[in-house]
C-alpha atoms as a PDB file:
ATOM      1  CA  UNK A   1     -26.340  17.109 -65.653  1.00  0.00           C
ATOM      2  CA  UNK A   2     -24.603  14.003 -64.407  1.00  0.00           C
ATOM      3  CA  UNK A   3     -21.469  16.000 -63.739  1.00  0.00           C
ATOM      4  CA  UNK A   4     -23.390  18.478 -61.582  1.00  0.00           C
ATOM      5  CA  UNK A   5     -24.999  15.591 -59.712  1.00  0.00           C
ATOM      6  CA  UNK A   6     -21.586  14.023 -59.091  1.00  0.00           C
ATOM      7  CA  UNK A   7     -20.233  17.334 -57.807  1.00  0.00           C
ATOM      8  CA  UNK A   8     -23.203  17.719 -55.497  1.00  0.00           C
ATOM      9  CA  UNK A   9     -22.818  14.141 -54.249  1.00  0.00           C
ATOM     10  CA  UNK A  10     -19.103  14.730 -53.614  1.00  0.00           C
ATOM     11  CA  UNK A  11     -19.842  17.856 -51.585  1.00  0.00           C
ATOM     12  CA  UNK A  12     -22.478  16.006 -49.600  1.00  0.00           C
ATOM     13  CA  UNK A  13     -20.076  13.144 -48.940  1.00  0.00           C
ATOM     14  CA  UNK A  14     -17.361  15.546 -47.724  1.00  0.00           C
ATOM     15  CA  UNK A  15     -19.912  17.345 -45.552  1.00  0.00           C
ATOM     16  CA  UNK A  16     -21.042  14.077 -43.969  1.00  0.00           C
ATOM     17  CA  UNK A  17     -17.447  12.957 -43.442  1.00  0.00           C
ATOM     18  CA  UNK A  18     -16.654  16.226 -41.657  1.00  0.00           C
ATOM     19  CA  UNK A  19     -19.765  15.900 -39.537  1.00  0.00           C
ATOM     20  CA  UNK A  20     -18.843  12.326 -38.648  1.00  0.00           C
ATOM     21  CA  UNK A  21     -15.302  13.379 -37.728  1.00  0.00           C
ATOM     22  CA  UNK A  22     -16.599  16.182 -35.499  1.00  0.00           C
ATOM     23  CA  UNK A  23     -19.100  13.837 -33.857  1.00  0.00           C
ATOM     24  CA  UNK A  24     -16.453  11.157 -33.289  1.00  0.00           C
ATOM     25  CA  UNK A  25     -14.016  13.690 -31.814  1.00  0.00           C
ATOM     26  CA  UNK A  26     -16.684  15.080 -29.495  1.00  0.00           C
ATOM     27  CA  UNK A  27     -17.704  11.582 -28.445  1.00  0.00           C
ATOM     28  CA  UNK A  28     -14.105  10.660 -27.625  1.00  0.00           C
ATOM     29  CA  UNK A  29     -13.712  13.834 -25.571  1.00  0.00           C
ATOM     30  CA  UNK A  30     -16.933  13.114 -23.699  1.00  0.00           C
ATOM     31  CA  UNK A  31     -15.866   9.535 -22.979  1.00  0.00           C
ATOM     32  CA  UNK A  32     -12.457  10.758 -21.799  1.00  0.00           C
ATOM     33  CA  UNK A  33     -14.036  13.364 -19.543  1.00  0.00           C
ATOM     34  CA  UNK A  34     -16.519  10.830 -18.205  1.00  0.00           C
ATOM     35  CA  UNK A  35     -13.687   8.417 -17.422  1.00  0.00           C
ATOM     36  CA  UNK A  36     -11.662  11.180 -15.787  1.00  0.00           C
ATOM     37  CA  UNK A  37     -14.661  12.347 -13.762  1.00  0.00           C
ATOM     38  CA  UNK A  38     -15.407   8.792 -12.657  1.00  0.00           C
ATOM     39  CA  UNK A  39     -11.831   8.275 -11.449  1.00  0.00           C
ATOM     40  CA  UNK A  40     -11.743  11.675  -9.855  1.00  0.00           C
ATOM     41  CA  UNK A  41     -14.981  11.070  -7.988  1.00  0.00           C
ATOM     42  CA  UNK A  42     -13.711   7.702  -6.760  1.00  0.00           C
ATOM     43  CA  UNK A  43     -10.476   9.007  -5.242  1.00  0.00           C
ATOM     44  CA  UNK A  44     -12.339  12.080  -4.020  1.00  0.00           C
ATOM     45  CA  UNK A  45     -14.932   9.870  -2.339  1.00  0.00           C
ATOM     46  CA  UNK A  46     -12.146   7.925  -0.664  1.00  0.00           C
ATOM     47  CA  UNK A  47     -10.672  11.163   0.673  1.00  0.00           C
ATOM     48  CA  UNK A  48     -14.093  12.351   1.851  1.00  0.00           C
ATOM     49  CA  UNK A  49     -14.695   9.094   3.721  1.00  0.00           C
ATOM     50  CA  UNK A  50     -11.338   9.391   5.477  1.00  0.00           C
ATOM     51  CA  UNK A  51     -11.894  13.055   6.342  1.00  0.00           C
ATOM     52  CA  UNK A  52     -15.313  12.252   7.778  1.00  0.00           C
ATOM     53  CA  UNK A  53     -14.332   9.257   9.913  1.00  0.00           C
ATOM     54  CA  UNK A  54     -10.740   9.745  11.095  1.00  0.00           C
ATOM     55  CA  UNK A  55      -9.310  11.941  13.858  1.00  0.00           C
ATOM     56  CA  UNK A  56      -5.744  13.183  14.525  1.00  0.00           C
ATOM     57  CA  UNK A  57      -5.443  11.248  17.784  1.00  0.00           C
ATOM     58  CA  UNK A  58      -7.128   8.085  16.581  1.00  0.00           C
ATOM     59  CA  UNK A  59      -9.506   8.443  19.503  1.00  0.00           C
ATOM     60  CA  UNK A  60     -12.253   7.549  19.342  1.00  0.00           C
ATOM     61  CA  UNK A  61     -11.254   4.860  16.835  1.00  0.00           C
ATOM     62  CA  UNK A  62     -13.294   4.640  13.641  1.00  0.00           C
ATOM     63  CA  UNK A  63     -16.583   2.826  14.124  1.00  0.00           C
ATOM     64  CA  UNK A  64     -17.133  -0.657  12.741  1.00  0.00           C
ATOM     65  CA  UNK A  65     -19.670   0.842  10.345  1.00  0.00           C
ATOM     66  CA  UNK A  66     -17.141   3.387   9.067  1.00  0.00           C
ATOM     67  CA  UNK A  67     -14.481   0.681   8.680  1.00  0.00           C
ATOM     68  CA  UNK A  68     -16.852  -1.587   6.770  1.00  0.00           C
ATOM     69  CA  UNK A  69     -17.891   1.256   4.480  1.00  0.00           C
ATOM     70  CA  UNK A  70     -14.321   2.262   3.737  1.00  0.00           C
ATOM     71  CA  UNK A  71     -13.220  -1.330   3.088  1.00  0.00           C
ATOM     72  CA  UNK A  72     -16.168  -1.926   0.769  1.00  0.00           C
ATOM     73  CA  UNK A  73     -15.296   1.179  -1.205  1.00  0.00           C
ATOM     74  CA  UNK A  74     -11.577   0.385  -1.309  1.00  0.00           C
ATOM     75  CA  UNK A  75     -12.456  -3.007  -2.794  1.00  0.00           C
ATOM     76  CA  UNK A  76     -13.691  -1.173  -5.899  1.00  0.00           C
ATOM     77  CA  UNK A  77     -10.514   0.885  -6.430  1.00  0.00           C
ATOM     78  CA  UNK A  78      -8.192  -0.202  -9.231  1.00  0.00           C
ATOM     79  CA  UNK A  79      -4.962   1.065 -10.815  1.00  0.00           C
ATOM     80  CA  UNK A  80      -6.689   3.408 -13.270  1.00  0.00           C
ATOM     81  CA  UNK A  81      -8.438   5.208 -10.395  1.00  0.00           C
ATOM     82  CA  UNK A  82      -5.083   6.360  -9.027  1.00  0.00           C
ATOM     83  CA  UNK A  83      -3.271   6.960 -12.305  1.00  0.00           C
ATOM     84  CA  UNK A  84      -1.404   3.642 -12.467  1.00  0.00           C
ATOM     85  CA  UNK A  85      -1.037   0.972 -15.092  1.00  0.00           C
ATOM     86  CA  UNK A  86      -0.024  -2.585 -14.333  1.00  0.00           C
ATOM     87  CA  UNK A  87       3.716  -3.134 -14.545  1.00  0.00           C
ATOM     88  CA  UNK A  88       4.989  -6.175 -16.394  1.00  0.00           C
ATOM     89  CA  UNK A  89       8.678  -5.283 -16.472  1.00  0.00           C
ATOM     90  CA  UNK A  90      11.232  -5.923 -13.767  1.00  0.00           C
ATOM     91  CA  UNK A  91      13.994  -3.871 -15.368  1.00  0.00           C
ATOM     92  CA  UNK A  92      13.651  -0.831 -13.128  1.00  0.00           C
ATOM     93  CA  UNK A  93      16.829  -1.316 -11.166  1.00  0.00           C
ATOM     94  CA  UNK A  94      18.409   1.515  -9.239  1.00  0.00           C
ATOM     95  CA  UNK A  95      20.184   2.667  -6.138  1.00  0.00           C
ATOM     96  CA  UNK A  96      17.163   3.894  -4.223  1.00  0.00           C
ATOM     97  CA  UNK A  97      17.417   6.760  -1.763  1.00  0.00           C
ATOM     98  CA  UNK A  98      21.080   6.027  -1.005  1.00  0.00           C
ATOM     99  CA  UNK A  99      22.301   7.547  -4.270  1.00  0.00           C
ATOM    100  CA  UNK A 100      25.615   6.688  -5.886  1.00  0.00           C
ATOM    101  CA  UNK A 101      27.685   6.428  -2.739  1.00  0.00           C
ATOM    102  CA  UNK A 102      27.118   2.710  -2.152  1.00  0.00           C
ATOM    103  CA  UNK A 103      28.238   0.921  -5.262  1.00  0.00           C
ATOM    104  CA  UNK A 104      28.530  -2.510  -3.726  1.00  0.00           C
ATOM    105  CA  UNK A 105      26.940  -5.449  -5.512  1.00  0.00           C
ATOM    106  CA  UNK A 106      23.760  -5.521  -3.445  1.00  0.00           C
ATOM    107  CA  UNK A 107      23.075  -1.795  -3.747  1.00  0.00           C
ATOM    108  CA  UNK A 108      23.933  -1.646  -7.417  1.00  0.00           C
ATOM    109  CA  UNK A 109      21.329  -4.223  -8.390  1.00  0.00           C
ATOM    110  CA  UNK A 110      18.667  -3.498  -5.803  1.00  0.00           C
ATOM    111  CA  UNK A 111      15.299  -2.623  -7.268  1.00  0.00           C
ATOM    112  CA  UNK A 112      13.807   0.286  -5.341  1.00  0.00           C
ATOM    113  CA  UNK A 113      10.268   0.413  -4.076  1.00  0.00           C
ATOM    114  CA  UNK A 114       8.525   3.563  -5.291  1.00  0.00           C
ATOM    115  CA  UNK A 115       6.497   5.567  -2.761  1.00  0.00           C
ATOM    116  CA  UNK A 116       3.657   7.741  -4.086  1.00  0.00           C
ATOM    117  CA  UNK A 117       2.231  10.307  -1.689  1.00  0.00           C
ATOM    118  CA  UNK A 118      -1.448  10.948  -2.465  1.00  0.00           C
ATOM    119  CA  UNK A 119      -2.442  12.985   0.588  1.00  0.00           C
ATOM    120  CA  UNK A 120      -1.408  13.439   4.200  1.00  0.00           C
ATOM    121  CA  UNK A 121      -2.862  15.395   7.108  1.00  0.00           C
ATOM    122  CA  UNK A 122      -2.982  15.099  10.908  1.00  0.00           C
ATOM    123  CA  UNK A 123      -5.715  12.462  10.715  1.00  0.00           C
ATOM    124  CA  UNK A 124      -4.579  10.107   7.963  1.00  0.00           C
ATOM    125  CA  UNK A 125      -2.131   9.300   5.189  1.00  0.00           C
ATOM    126  CA  UNK A 126      -3.098   8.062   1.720  1.00  0.00           C
ATOM    127  CA  UNK A 127      -0.196   6.576  -0.242  1.00  0.00           C
ATOM    128  CA  UNK A 128       0.840   3.888  -2.726  1.00  0.00           C
ATOM    129  CA  UNK A 129       3.811   1.523  -2.693  1.00  0.00           C
ATOM    130  CA  UNK A 130       4.911   0.148  -6.074  1.00  0.00           C
ATOM    131  CA  UNK A 131       7.010  -3.015  -5.695  1.00  0.00           C
ATOM    132  CA  UNK A 132       9.293  -4.710  -8.210  1.00  0.00           C
ATOM    133  CA  UNK A 133       9.364  -8.505  -7.915  1.00  0.00           C
ATOM    134  CA  UNK A 134      11.098  -9.796  -4.751  1.00  0.00           C
ATOM    135  CA  UNK A 135      11.387  -6.340  -3.164  1.00  0.00           C
ATOM    136  CA  UNK A 136      10.659  -6.214   0.553  1.00  0.00           C
ATOM    137  CA  UNK A 137       9.358  -3.796   3.161  1.00  0.00           C
ATOM    138  CA  UNK A 138      10.824  -5.424   6.285  1.00  0.00           C
ATOM    139  CA  UNK A 139       8.931  -6.258   9.459  1.00  0.00           C
ATOM    140  CA  UNK A 140       7.766  -3.011  11.093  1.00  0.00           C
ATOM    141  CA  UNK A 141       5.006  -1.753  13.377  1.00  0.00           C
ATOM    142  CA  UNK A 142       2.139   0.759  13.337  1.00  0.00           C
ATOM    143  CA  UNK A 143       1.850   1.887  16.983  1.00  0.00           C
ATOM    144  CA  UNK A 144      -1.649   3.028  17.887  1.00  0.00           C
ATOM    145  CA  UNK A 145      -2.679   3.013  14.232  1.00  0.00           C
ATOM    146  CA  UNK A 146      -5.290   1.420  12.003  1.00  0.00           C
ATOM    147  CA  UNK A 147      -4.089   0.580   8.495  1.00  0.00           C
ATOM    148  CA  UNK A 148      -6.048  -0.344   5.358  1.00  0.00           C
ATOM    149  CA  UNK A 149      -4.140  -2.055   2.529  1.00  0.00           C
ATOM    150  CA  UNK A 150      -5.607  -2.692  -0.939  1.00  0.00           C
ATOM    151  CA  UNK A 151      -3.587  -4.503  -3.606  1.00  0.00           C
ATOM    152  CA  UNK A 152      -4.153  -2.651  -6.898  1.00  0.00           C
ATOM    153  CA  UNK A 153      -2.366  -5.131  -9.149  1.00  0.00           C
ATOM    154  CA  UNK A 154       0.026  -8.058  -8.853  1.00  0.00           C
ATOM    155  CA  UNK A 155       0.550 -10.184  -5.758  1.00  0.00           C
ATOM    156  CA  UNK A 156       2.338  -9.620  -2.456  1.00  0.00           C
ATOM    157  CA  UNK A 157       3.088 -11.944   0.467  1.00  0.00           C
ATOM    158  CA  UNK A 158       2.158 -10.550   3.871  1.00  0.00           C
ATOM    159  CA  UNK A 159       3.537 -11.911   7.124  1.00  0.00           C
ATOM    160  CA  UNK A 160       2.231 -10.186  10.231  1.00  0.00           C
ATOM    161  CA  UNK A 161       2.334 -10.534  14.010  1.00  0.00           C
ATOM    162  CA  UNK A 162       0.604  -9.156  17.080  1.00  0.00           C
ATOM    163  CA  UNK A 163       2.218  -8.842  20.481  1.00  0.00           C
ATOM    164  CA  UNK A 164       0.977 -11.383  22.984  1.00  0.00           C
ATOM    165  CA  UNK A 165      -1.298  -9.338  25.221  1.00  0.00           C
ATOM    166  CA  UNK A 166      -1.076  -9.432  28.108  1.00  0.00           C
ATOM    167  CA  UNK A 167       2.501 -10.530  27.601  1.00  0.00           C
ATOM    168  CA  UNK A 168       2.791 -14.244  28.341  1.00  0.00           C
ATOM    169  CA  UNK A 169       6.433 -13.734  29.208  1.00  0.00           C
ATOM    170  CA  UNK A 170       8.632 -10.722  29.910  1.00  0.00           C
ATOM    171  CA  UNK A 171      11.200  -9.613  27.397  1.00  0.00           C
ATOM    172  CA  UNK A 172      14.230 -11.860  27.296  1.00  0.00           C
ATOM    173  CA  UNK A 173      17.401  -9.879  27.944  1.00  0.00           C
ATOM    174  CA  UNK A 174      20.732 -11.359  26.986  1.00  0.00           C
ATOM    175  CA  UNK A 175      24.063  -9.620  27.656  1.00  0.00           C
ATOM    176  CA  UNK A 176      25.293  -7.867  24.537  1.00  0.00           C
ATOM    177  CA  UNK A 177      22.128  -8.624  22.579  1.00  0.00           C
ATOM    178  CA  UNK A 178      18.846  -6.898  21.933  1.00  0.00           C
ATOM    179  CA  UNK A 179      15.903  -7.930  24.122  1.00  0.00           C
ATOM    180  CA  UNK A 180      13.271 -10.062  22.418  1.00  0.00           C
ATOM    181  CA  UNK A 181       9.527 -10.101  22.991  1.00  0.00           C
ATOM    182  CA  UNK A 182       6.992 -12.795  22.182  1.00  0.00           C
ATOM    183  CA  UNK A 183       4.534 -12.241  19.339  1.00  0.00           C
ATOM    184  CA  UNK A 184       1.921 -14.421  17.684  1.00  0.00           C
ATOM    185  CA  UNK A 185       1.527 -14.882  13.944  1.00  0.00           C
ATOM    186  CA  UNK A 186      -1.659 -13.218  12.693  1.00  0.00           C
ATOM    187  CA  UNK A 187      -1.308 -13.270   8.903  1.00  0.00           C
ATOM    188  CA  UNK A 188       0.790 -15.385   6.525  1.00  0.00           C
ATOM    189  CA  UNK A 189      -0.700 -15.258   3.041  1.00  0.00           C
ATOM    190  CA  UNK A 190      -0.438 -13.909  -0.484  1.00  0.00           C
ATOM    191  CA  UNK A 191      -2.731 -11.025  -1.377  1.00  0.00           C
ATOM    192  CA  UNK A 192      -3.813 -10.147  -4.907  1.00  0.00           C
ATOM    193  CA  UNK A 193      -6.005  -7.486  -6.500  1.00  0.00           C
ATOM    194  CA  UNK A 194      -8.954  -9.877  -6.223  1.00  0.00           C
ATOM    195  CA  UNK A 195      -8.613 -10.038  -2.429  1.00  0.00           C
ATOM    196  CA  UNK A 196     -10.670  -7.858  -0.115  1.00  0.00           C
ATOM    197  CA  UNK A 197      -8.989  -4.920   1.584  1.00  0.00           C
ATOM    198  CA  UNK A 198      -6.724  -6.040   4.434  1.00  0.00           C
ATOM    199  CA  UNK A 199      -6.969  -4.150   7.708  1.00  0.00           C
ATOM    200  CA  UNK A 200      -4.855  -4.109  10.853  1.00  0.00           C
ATOM    201  CA  UNK A 201      -5.668  -2.511  14.191  1.00  0.00           C
ATOM    202  CA  UNK A 202      -3.493  -1.104  17.000  1.00  0.00           C
ATOM    203  CA  UNK A 203      -3.475  -4.424  18.872  1.00  0.00           C
ATOM    204  CA  UNK A 204      -4.821  -6.986  16.431  1.00  0.00           C
ATOM    205  CA  UNK A 205      -4.978  -8.014  12.801  1.00  0.00           C
ATOM    206  CA  UNK A 206      -1.188  -8.104  12.412  1.00  0.00           C
ATOM    207  CA  UNK A 207       0.027  -4.675  13.525  1.00  0.00           C
ATOM    208  CA  UNK A 208       3.622  -5.692  12.843  1.00  0.00           C
ATOM    209  CA  UNK A 209       3.930  -6.759   9.232  1.00  0.00           C
ATOM    210  CA  UNK A 210       6.298  -7.435   6.363  1.00  0.00           C
ATOM    211  CA  UNK A 211       5.565  -7.176   2.614  1.00  0.00           C
ATOM    212  CA  UNK A 212       7.377  -9.243  -0.036  1.00  0.00           C
ATOM    213  CA  UNK A 213       6.456  -8.774  -3.703  1.00  0.00           C
ATOM    214  CA  UNK A 214       5.701 -12.081  -5.422  1.00  0.00           C
ATOM    215  CA  UNK A 215       5.214 -10.237  -8.738  1.00  0.00           C
ATOM    216  CA  UNK A 216       5.381  -6.551  -9.660  1.00  0.00           C
ATOM    217  CA  UNK A 217       2.586  -5.072  -7.567  1.00  0.00           C
ATOM    218  CA  UNK A 218       1.135  -1.900  -6.088  1.00  0.00           C
ATOM    219  CA  UNK A 219      -0.511  -1.470  -2.688  1.00  0.00           C
ATOM    220  CA  UNK A 220      -2.741   1.446  -1.726  1.00  0.00           C
ATOM    221  CA  UNK A 221      -2.364   2.188   1.987  1.00  0.00           C
ATOM    222  CA  UNK A 222      -4.453   4.355   4.305  1.00  0.00           C
ATOM    223  CA  UNK A 223      -2.935   4.897   7.744  1.00  0.00           C
ATOM    224  CA  UNK A 224      -4.885   6.531  10.562  1.00  0.00           C
ATOM    225  CA  UNK A 225      -3.615   8.362  12.449  1.00  0.00           C
ATOM    226  CA  UNK A 226      -0.360   8.767  10.504  1.00  0.00           C
ATOM    227  CA  UNK A 227       3.157   8.198  11.828  1.00  0.00           C
ATOM    228  CA  UNK A 228       4.190  11.037  14.154  1.00  0.00           C
ATOM    229  CA  UNK A 229       7.198  10.691  16.432  1.00  0.00           C
ATOM    230  CA  UNK A 230       6.193  13.331  18.995  1.00  0.00           C
ATOM    231  CA  UNK A 231       2.887  11.462  19.443  1.00  0.00           C
ATOM    232  CA  UNK A 232       4.748   8.160  20.068  1.00  0.00           C
ATOM    233  CA  UNK A 233       3.890   6.860  16.614  1.00  0.00           C
ATOM    234  CA  UNK A 234       7.373   6.089  15.362  1.00  0.00           C
ATOM    235  CA  UNK A 235       8.031   3.303  12.879  1.00  0.00           C
ATOM    236  CA  UNK A 236      10.200   0.590  14.442  1.00  0.00           C
ATOM    237  CA  UNK A 237      11.742  -2.290  12.506  1.00  0.00           C
ATOM    238  CA  UNK A 238      12.092  -5.810  13.877  1.00  0.00           C
ATOM    239  CA  UNK A 239      13.844  -9.106  13.280  1.00  0.00           C
ATOM    240  CA  UNK A 240      11.815 -12.251  13.983  1.00  0.00           C
ATOM    241  CA  UNK A 241      13.323 -15.400  15.476  1.00  0.00           C
ATOM    242  CA  UNK A 242      11.734 -18.850  15.750  1.00  0.00           C
ATOM    243  CA  UNK A 243      10.011 -19.572  19.035  1.00  0.00           C
ATOM    244  CA  UNK A 244      12.464 -22.358  19.845  1.00  0.00           C
ATOM    245  CA  UNK A 245      15.451 -19.980  19.809  1.00  0.00           C
ATOM    246  CA  UNK A 246      14.773 -18.388  23.209  1.00  0.00           C
ATOM    247  CA  UNK A 247      12.006 -20.444  24.799  1.00  0.00           C
ATOM    248  CA  UNK A 248      14.460 -22.437  26.928  1.00  0.00           C
ATOM    249  CA  UNK A 249      16.163 -19.278  28.237  1.00  0.00           C
ATOM    250  CA  UNK A 250      12.883 -17.930  29.534  1.00  0.00           C
ATOM    251  CA  UNK A 251      11.250 -21.143  30.619  1.00  0.00           C
ATOM    252  CA  UNK A 252       8.457 -20.389  28.160  1.00  0.00           C
ATOM    253  CA  UNK A 253       5.917 -23.091  27.497  1.00  0.00           C
ATOM    254  CA  UNK A 254       3.372 -22.675  24.719  1.00  0.00           C
ATOM    255  CA  UNK A 255       0.594 -25.240  24.649  1.00  0.00           C
ATOM    256  CA  UNK A 256      -0.804 -24.548  21.174  1.00  0.00           C
ATOM    257  CA  UNK A 257       1.070 -24.417  17.840  1.00  0.00           C
ATOM    258  CA  UNK A 258       4.624 -23.273  18.552  1.00  0.00           C
ATOM    259  CA  UNK A 259       5.140 -22.354  14.894  1.00  0.00           C
ATOM    260  CA  UNK A 260       2.538 -19.600  15.366  1.00  0.00           C
ATOM    261  CA  UNK A 261       4.854 -17.758  17.750  1.00  0.00           C
ATOM    262  CA  UNK A 262       8.102 -15.855  17.267  1.00  0.00           C
ATOM    263  CA  UNK A 263      10.458 -13.661  19.242  1.00  0.00           C
ATOM    264  CA  UNK A 264      10.853 -10.147  17.873  1.00  0.00           C
ATOM    265  CA  UNK A 265      13.863  -7.896  18.455  1.00  0.00           C
ATOM    266  CA  UNK A 266      14.049  -4.221  17.544  1.00  0.00           C
ATOM    267  CA  UNK A 267      16.550  -3.252  14.884  1.00  0.00           C
ATOM    268  CA  UNK A 268      17.560  -0.151  12.988  1.00  0.00           C
ATOM    269  CA  UNK A 269      16.328   0.744   9.525  1.00  0.00           C
ATOM    270  CA  UNK A 270      17.569  -2.161   7.370  1.00  0.00           C
ATOM    271  CA  UNK A 271      20.456  -1.342   5.041  1.00  0.00           C
ATOM    272  CA  UNK A 272      18.800  -3.203   2.186  1.00  0.00           C
ATOM    273  CA  UNK A 273      15.580  -1.160   2.264  1.00  0.00           C
ATOM    274  CA  UNK A 274      15.638   0.828  -0.984  1.00  0.00           C
ATOM    275  CA  UNK A 275      12.797   3.263  -1.424  1.00  0.00           C
ATOM    276  CA  UNK A 276      12.405   6.317  -3.620  1.00  0.00           C
ATOM    277  CA  UNK A 277       9.723   8.972  -3.993  1.00  0.00           C
ATOM    278  CA  UNK A 278       7.609   8.981  -7.126  1.00  0.00           C
ATOM    279  CA  UNK A 279       5.008  11.384  -8.475  1.00  0.00           C
ATOM    280  CA  UNK A 280       1.347  10.595  -7.941  1.00  0.00           C
ATOM    281  CA  UNK A 281      -0.301  10.889 -11.370  1.00  0.00           C
ATOM    282  CA  UNK A 282      -3.910  10.188 -10.435  1.00  0.00           C
ATOM    283  CA  UNK A 283      -6.858  12.579 -10.157  1.00  0.00           C
ATOM    284  CA  UNK A 284      -6.382  15.635  -7.965  1.00  0.00           C
ATOM    285  CA  UNK A 285      -8.158  15.654  -4.615  1.00  0.00           C
ATOM    286  CA  UNK A 286     -10.274  18.685  -3.781  1.00  0.00           C
ATOM    287  CA  UNK A 287      -9.492  19.449  -0.143  1.00  0.00           C
END
């Protein structure tokens, strides 16, 4: 009798264990699907907001209400929403887009910035830049564009200028040298994931900016309208010089803080800019 009871109890225990295993497996699947759906809906919502508010020409520009709504939503986006995990290693050294043809010391040990293309159309670009520590995107412009930048993890130093408008002084031309034009410092700060979304406009907010990674970091960018050379939206790189360098040549006199001004000269794509394409691993956008 006892033996039969023990057998029955054993069968019941096995049955309950199997039921528990099935329930646990189903629960894990549901939690995984819920997490995936949540991330998918977040990046999808971001796409939908951009599609609704941006135009190919950038005219009319997005309304202040649309900008506020997009910034507020971007503030909630984190690495997991775009398929990223925070990087703690700085060992990812490579040769960037220049391949194996430039085996000098600088190229050999340069750590490339990884570019992840999320989505691009005539109205906007959604992308991510993943920076190793100390990597730099040099000073460059966004002609006629509005740009939203959200740090997903890590910290990055941003230095940005706006042209003095109307120009306080004409471009300074020196024989054998590039002309320089006066710009005013708009941003000089470190951004982290806790910071609100940064935004620049065609003529304000720091349209010409430079990124330097303080730690490994990732920045989600939305550019509207996107770069397009035949629409005069070509990316131009610049070198900045202290205000004192050329003020005397032009007879320039600035009354307020001279350290807030600099002379910018166009330059070619910097040789030490190492960038490679990566694969976006986040949720798929339904277009």
